[in-house]
Amino acid sequence: MKKRVLIVDDDTRNIFALSAVMRSRSFECISCLSAREALRILKGDDHFDAILLDMMMPDIDGYDAIPLIKEIPNRQSTMIVAVTAQAMIGDREKCIEAGADEYVAKPVDIDKLFKILSHI
């Protein structure tokens, strides 16, 4: 059975690139352009094995979205991977403190991402 991933990013180019790579490795990808839309999707019954969440978005950023996602029944154990252009010292820790399970910096190291996703 294919693993199902929700990609949340306000840049369609990032969604396109990530989706293409993920699909090439037999992942099913659903995407949206905002945390607000992601929350709406995640409140539904669709199953997701992981969420790839851009941390810097205009409406609700990833740091605020993660606790809201974790409050949704049946989503507490869904893996959240913080995806961010923020690659400064301490950014990984900041993402993990916010509740992300893992962290990858942009441009995304695909091998690192698939190693992370191999645990789902």
N, C-alpha and C. Protein backbone atom coordinates (compact mmCIF):
# COMPACT_ATOMS: atom_id res chain seq x y z
N MET A 1 0.84 -1.19 0.00
CA MET A 1 0.00 0.00 0.00
C MET A 1 0.88 1.25 0.00
N LYS A 2 0.51 2.23 -0.82
CA LYS A 2 1.29 3.45 -0.91
C LYS A 2 1.17 4.27 0.38
N LYS A 3 2.28 4.88 0.76
CA LYS A 3 2.25 5.80 1.90
C LYS A 3 1.66 7.11 1.40
N ARG A 4 0.88 7.76 2.25
CA ARG A 4 0.17 8.98 1.87
C ARG A 4 0.74 10.16 2.64
N VAL A 5 1.10 11.22 1.90
CA VAL A 5 1.76 12.38 2.48
C VAL A 5 0.99 13.65 2.12
N LEU A 6 0.83 14.52 3.12
CA LEU A 6 0.25 15.85 2.88
C LEU A 6 1.41 16.85 2.82
N ILE A 7 1.51 17.55 1.68
CA ILE A 7 2.54 18.57 1.50
C ILE A 7 1.89 19.94 1.66
N VAL A 8 2.40 20.72 2.62
CA VAL A 8 1.84 22.04 2.90
C VAL A 8 2.93 23.07 2.64
N ASP A 9 2.74 23.89 1.60
CA ASP A 9 3.73 24.90 1.23
C ASP A 9 3.03 26.00 0.46
N ASP A 10 3.38 27.25 0.72
CA ASP A 10 2.73 28.36 0.03
C ASP A 10 3.34 28.63 -1.35
N ASP A 11 4.37 27.89 -1.74
CA ASP A 11 5.02 28.06 -3.04
C ASP A 11 4.73 26.85 -3.91
N THR A 12 3.97 27.05 -4.98
CA THR A 12 3.57 25.93 -5.85
C THR A 12 4.77 25.23 -6.48
N ARG A 13 5.87 25.94 -6.67
CA ARG A 13 7.07 25.30 -7.25
C ARG A 13 7.62 24.25 -6.30
N ASN A 14 7.61 24.56 -5.00
CA ASN A 14 8.08 23.58 -4.02
C ASN A 14 7.17 22.36 -3.99
N ILE A 15 5.87 22.60 -4.04
CA ILE A 15 4.90 21.49 -4.05
C ILE A 15 5.13 20.62 -5.29
N PHE A 16 5.27 21.27 -6.44
CA PHE A 16 5.47 20.53 -7.69
C PHE A 16 6.71 19.65 -7.62
N ALA A 17 7.82 20.22 -7.17
CA ALA A 17 9.08 19.48 -7.11
C ALA A 17 9.01 18.32 -6.11
N LEU A 18 8.51 18.61 -4.91
CA LEU A 18 8.41 17.57 -3.89
C LEU A 18 7.45 16.45 -4.32
N SER A 19 6.31 16.83 -4.87
CA SER A 19 5.32 15.85 -5.31
C SER A 19 5.90 14.93 -6.38
N ALA A 20 6.62 15.52 -7.34
CA ALA A 20 7.19 14.72 -8.43
C ALA A 20 8.16 13.68 -7.88
N VAL A 21 9.03 14.10 -6.97
CA VAL A 21 10.01 13.17 -6.40
C VAL A 21 9.31 12.12 -5.54
N MET A 22 8.36 12.54 -4.75
CA MET A 22 7.65 11.61 -3.88
C MET A 22 6.89 10.56 -4.70
N ARG A 23 6.21 11.01 -5.74
CA ARG A 23 5.45 10.07 -6.58
C ARG A 23 6.38 9.09 -7.28
N SER A 24 7.58 9.54 -7.64
CA SER A 24 8.54 8.65 -8.30
C SER A 24 8.97 7.51 -7.37
N ARG A 25 8.77 7.71 -6.08
CA ARG A 25 9.11 6.68 -5.08
C ARG A 25 7.84 6.04 -4.51
N SER A 26 6.75 6.14 -5.27
CA SER A 26 5.48 5.47 -4.95
C SER A 26 4.75 6.01 -3.73
N PHE A 27 4.95 7.29 -3.43
CA PHE A 27 4.14 7.93 -2.39
C PHE A 27 2.92 8.56 -3.05
N GLU A 28 1.81 8.56 -2.35
CA GLU A 28 0.64 9.30 -2.80
C GLU A 28 0.71 10.67 -2.14
N CYS A 29 0.57 11.73 -2.93
CA CYS A 29 0.73 13.09 -2.40
C CYS A 29 -0.56 13.89 -2.55
N ILE A 30 -0.92 14.54 -1.48
CA ILE A 30 -2.00 15.52 -1.46
C ILE A 30 -1.28 16.82 -1.07
N SER A 31 -1.70 17.95 -1.63
CA SER A 31 -1.02 19.20 -1.29
C SER A 31 -2.01 20.32 -1.06
N CYS A 32 -1.54 21.32 -0.34
CA CYS A 32 -2.31 22.54 -0.14
C CYS A 32 -1.35 23.71 0.08
N LEU A 33 -1.88 24.92 -0.06
CA LEU A 33 -1.05 26.12 -0.08
C LEU A 33 -1.03 26.89 1.23
N SER A 34 -1.71 26.39 2.26
CA SER A 34 -1.72 27.13 3.53
C SER A 34 -1.96 26.19 4.70
N ALA A 35 -1.54 26.63 5.86
CA ALA A 35 -1.78 25.86 7.08
C ALA A 35 -3.27 25.80 7.38
N ARG A 36 -3.97 26.88 7.10
CA ARG A 36 -5.41 26.90 7.33
C ARG A 36 -6.11 25.79 6.53
N GLU A 37 -5.71 25.66 5.25
CA GLU A 37 -6.28 24.61 4.41
C GLU A 37 -5.85 23.22 4.91
N ALA A 38 -4.61 23.10 5.34
CA ALA A 38 -4.12 21.83 5.88
C ALA A 38 -4.94 21.40 7.09
N LEU A 39 -5.22 22.34 7.97
CA LEU A 39 -6.03 22.03 9.16
C LEU A 39 -7.41 21.53 8.76
N ARG A 40 -8.00 22.16 7.75
CA ARG A 40 -9.32 21.74 7.27
C ARG A 40 -9.24 20.30 6.73
N ILE A 41 -8.22 20.01 5.93
CA ILE A 41 -8.04 18.67 5.37
C ILE A 41 -7.82 17.65 6.49
N LEU A 42 -6.97 18.00 7.45
CA LEU A 42 -6.62 17.06 8.52
C LEU A 42 -7.76 16.80 9.49
N LYS A 43 -8.75 17.68 9.53
CA LYS A 43 -9.92 17.45 10.37
C LYS A 43 -10.87 16.45 9.74
N GLY A 44 -10.63 16.12 8.46
CA GLY A 44 -11.44 15.12 7.76
C GLY A 44 -10.98 13.71 8.10
N ASP A 45 -11.52 12.76 7.38
CA ASP A 45 -11.24 11.35 7.68
C ASP A 45 -10.09 10.76 6.87
N ASP A 46 -9.52 11.53 5.94
CA ASP A 46 -8.43 11.00 5.10
C ASP A 46 -7.25 10.58 5.96
N HIS A 47 -6.65 9.45 5.58
CA HIS A 47 -5.47 8.95 6.28
C HIS A 47 -4.21 9.59 5.69
N PHE A 48 -3.30 10.01 6.55
CA PHE A 48 -1.98 10.49 6.13
C PHE A 48 -0.93 9.83 7.00
N ASP A 49 0.14 9.37 6.34
CA ASP A 49 1.25 8.76 7.07
C ASP A 49 2.22 9.82 7.56
N ALA A 50 2.29 10.95 6.84
CA ALA A 50 3.20 12.03 7.23
C ALA A 50 2.72 13.36 6.65
N ILE A 51 3.19 14.43 7.28
CA ILE A 51 2.89 15.79 6.82
C ILE A 51 4.23 16.49 6.61
N LEU A 52 4.44 17.02 5.40
CA LEU A 52 5.63 17.83 5.12
C LEU A 52 5.17 19.27 5.20
N LEU A 53 5.62 19.98 6.22
CA LEU A 53 5.07 21.29 6.55
C LEU A 53 6.11 22.40 6.40
N ASP A 54 5.85 23.31 5.48
CA ASP A 54 6.69 24.50 5.33
C ASP A 54 6.52 25.33 6.60
N MET A 55 7.62 25.75 7.18
CA MET A 55 7.54 26.47 8.45
C MET A 55 7.27 27.97 8.28
N MET A 56 7.56 28.52 7.11
CA MET A 56 7.40 29.96 6.89
C MET A 56 6.29 30.21 5.87
N MET A 57 5.07 30.40 6.37
CA MET A 57 3.94 30.68 5.49
C MET A 57 3.21 31.93 6.00
N PRO A 58 2.53 32.62 5.08
CA PRO A 58 1.92 33.91 5.46
C PRO A 58 0.73 33.84 6.41
N ASP A 59 -0.16 32.86 6.26
CA ASP A 59 -1.37 32.89 7.09
C ASP A 59 -1.08 32.41 8.51
N ILE A 60 -0.73 31.16 8.63
CA ILE A 60 -0.34 30.56 9.91
C ILE A 60 0.97 29.87 9.63
N ASP A 61 2.02 30.21 10.35
CA ASP A 61 3.30 29.56 10.05
C ASP A 61 3.33 28.17 10.70
N GLY A 62 4.33 27.40 10.33
CA GLY A 62 4.43 26.03 10.82
C GLY A 62 4.54 25.93 12.33
N TYR A 63 5.22 26.92 12.94
CA TYR A 63 5.39 26.89 14.40
C TYR A 63 4.05 26.98 15.12
N ASP A 64 3.11 27.75 14.54
CA ASP A 64 1.77 27.85 15.13
C ASP A 64 0.87 26.70 14.69
N ALA A 65 1.12 26.18 13.48
CA ALA A 65 0.26 25.13 12.94
C ALA A 65 0.48 23.78 13.62
N ILE A 66 1.72 23.47 13.98
CA ILE A 66 2.00 22.14 14.55
C ILE A 66 1.16 21.85 15.80
N PRO A 67 1.12 22.74 16.78
CA PRO A 67 0.27 22.44 17.96
C PRO A 67 -1.20 22.29 17.59
N LEU A 68 -1.67 23.05 16.60
CA LEU A 68 -3.07 22.94 16.16
C LEU A 68 -3.32 21.58 15.50
N ILE A 69 -2.34 21.10 14.73
CA ILE A 69 -2.47 19.77 14.10
C ILE A 69 -2.50 18.69 15.18
N LYS A 70 -1.63 18.82 16.18
CA LYS A 70 -1.54 17.81 17.24
C LYS A 70 -2.81 17.76 18.10
N GLU A 71 -3.60 18.83 18.08
CA GLU A 71 -4.87 18.87 18.83
C GLU A 71 -5.98 18.11 18.13
N ILE A 72 -5.81 17.85 16.83
CA ILE A 72 -6.86 17.17 16.06
C ILE A 72 -6.89 15.69 16.44
N PRO A 73 -8.06 15.18 16.81
CA PRO A 73 -8.16 13.76 17.15
C PRO A 73 -7.62 12.90 16.00
N ASN A 74 -6.93 11.85 16.32
CA ASN A 74 -6.32 10.92 15.37
C ASN A 74 -5.12 11.48 14.60
N ARG A 75 -4.62 12.68 14.96
CA ARG A 75 -3.45 13.24 14.27
C ARG A 75 -2.23 13.36 15.19
N GLN A 76 -2.39 13.05 16.47
CA GLN A 76 -1.29 13.21 17.42
C GLN A 76 -0.06 12.41 17.02
N SER A 77 -0.25 11.24 16.42
CA SER A 77 0.88 10.38 16.08
C SER A 77 1.31 10.49 14.61
N THR A 78 0.64 11.34 13.82
CA THR A 78 1.04 11.53 12.42
C THR A 78 2.39 12.24 12.39
N MET A 79 3.35 11.67 11.66
CA MET A 79 4.68 12.28 11.58
C MET A 79 4.61 13.64 10.90
N ILE A 80 5.22 14.64 11.53
CA ILE A 80 5.31 15.98 10.95
C ILE A 80 6.77 16.28 10.68
N VAL A 81 7.08 16.54 9.41
CA VAL A 81 8.44 16.90 9.02
C VAL A 81 8.44 18.39 8.69
N ALA A 82 9.18 19.16 9.47
CA ALA A 82 9.33 20.59 9.22
C ALA A 82 10.25 20.76 8.01
N VAL A 83 9.77 21.51 7.02
CA VAL A 83 10.56 21.78 5.82
C VAL A 83 10.75 23.29 5.77
N THR A 84 12.00 23.74 5.83
CA THR A 84 12.20 25.18 5.93
C THR A 84 13.48 25.66 5.26
N ALA A 85 13.42 26.87 4.78
CA ALA A 85 14.61 27.52 4.24
C ALA A 85 15.49 28.03 5.38
N GLN A 86 14.95 28.03 6.58
CA GLN A 86 15.70 28.44 7.76
C GLN A 86 16.69 27.34 8.10
N ALA A 87 17.94 27.56 7.85
CA ALA A 87 18.94 26.52 8.12
C ALA A 87 20.05 27.07 9.01
N MET A 88 19.68 27.94 9.89
CA MET A 88 20.65 28.53 10.81
C MET A 88 20.79 27.63 12.05
N ILE A 89 21.85 27.85 12.79
CA ILE A 89 22.06 27.10 14.03
C ILE A 89 20.86 27.35 14.96
N GLY A 90 20.30 26.28 15.48
CA GLY A 90 19.17 26.39 16.39
C GLY A 90 17.82 26.23 15.73
N ASP A 91 17.76 26.32 14.39
CA ASP A 91 16.46 26.21 13.71
C ASP A 91 15.87 24.81 13.83
N ARG A 92 16.71 23.78 13.74
CA ARG A 92 16.21 22.41 13.89
C ARG A 92 15.58 22.25 15.27
N GLU A 93 16.29 22.72 16.29
CA GLU A 93 15.79 22.61 17.66
C GLU A 93 14.48 23.37 17.83
N LYS A 94 14.40 24.54 17.20
CA LYS A 94 13.18 25.34 17.29
C LYS A 94 11.98 24.59 16.67
N CYS A 95 12.22 23.91 15.55
CA CYS A 95 11.16 23.13 14.90
C CYS A 95 10.74 21.94 15.77
N ILE A 96 11.72 21.26 16.35
CA ILE A 96 11.43 20.10 17.20
C ILE A 96 10.68 20.56 18.46
N GLU A 97 11.10 21.69 19.02
CA GLU A 97 10.41 22.25 20.20
C GLU A 97 8.96 22.57 19.88
N ALA A 98 8.69 23.02 18.66
CA ALA A 98 7.32 23.35 18.24
C ALA A 98 6.47 22.10 18.08
N GLY A 99 7.12 20.92 18.03
CA GLY A 99 6.37 19.67 17.94
C GLY A 99 6.63 18.86 16.69
N ALA A 100 7.50 19.35 15.80
CA ALA A 100 7.83 18.56 14.61
C ALA A 100 8.60 17.30 15.03
N ASP A 101 8.40 16.24 14.27
CA ASP A 101 9.11 14.99 14.55
C ASP A 101 10.50 15.00 13.91
N GLU A 102 10.61 15.67 12.78
CA GLU A 102 11.87 15.74 12.04
C GLU A 102 11.96 17.09 11.34
N TYR A 103 13.13 17.33 10.75
CA TYR A 103 13.42 18.63 10.14
C TYR A 103 14.29 18.41 8.91
N VAL A 104 13.94 19.06 7.80
CA VAL A 104 14.81 19.10 6.63
C VAL A 104 14.86 20.54 6.13
N ALA A 105 16.05 20.95 5.72
CA ALA A 105 16.23 22.31 5.21
C ALA A 105 16.04 22.32 3.70
N LYS A 106 15.58 23.48 3.19
CA LYS A 106 15.50 23.68 1.74
C LYS A 106 16.84 24.23 1.27
N PRO A 107 17.31 23.90 0.07
CA PRO A 107 16.70 22.90 -0.81
C PRO A 107 16.75 21.52 -0.17
N VAL A 108 15.67 20.77 -0.35
CA VAL A 108 15.51 19.50 0.35
C VAL A 108 16.50 18.47 -0.16
N ASP A 109 17.20 17.86 0.79
CA ASP A 109 18.06 16.72 0.52
C ASP A 109 17.14 15.51 0.43
N ILE A 110 16.87 15.06 -0.79
CA ILE A 110 15.89 14.00 -1.03
C ILE A 110 16.27 12.70 -0.32
N ASP A 111 17.55 12.36 -0.33
CA ASP A 111 17.97 11.13 0.35
C ASP A 111 17.67 11.21 1.84
N LYS A 112 17.93 12.37 2.44
CA LYS A 112 17.65 12.56 3.87
C LYS A 112 16.14 12.46 4.12
N LEU A 113 15.35 13.08 3.25
CA LEU A 113 13.89 13.05 3.40
C LEU A 113 13.38 11.61 3.33
N PHE A 114 13.85 10.84 2.35
CA PHE A 114 13.37 9.45 2.24
C PHE A 114 13.86 8.59 3.38
N LYS A 115 15.01 8.90 3.93
CA LYS A 115 15.48 8.17 5.11
C LYS A 115 14.53 8.43 6.29
N ILE A 116 14.13 9.70 6.47
CA ILE A 116 13.17 10.07 7.51
C ILE A 116 11.85 9.33 7.28
N LEU A 117 11.36 9.36 6.05
CA LEU A 117 10.05 8.77 5.73
C LEU A 117 10.08 7.24 5.75
N SER A 118 11.25 6.66 5.77
CA SER A 118 11.33 5.19 5.81
C SER A 118 10.84 4.67 7.17
N HIS A 119 10.68 5.54 8.14
CA HIS A 119 10.23 5.15 9.49
C HIS A 119 8.71 5.16 9.64
N ILE A 120 8.00 5.55 8.58
CA ILE A 120 6.53 5.57 8.69
C ILE A 120 5.93 4.29 8.13
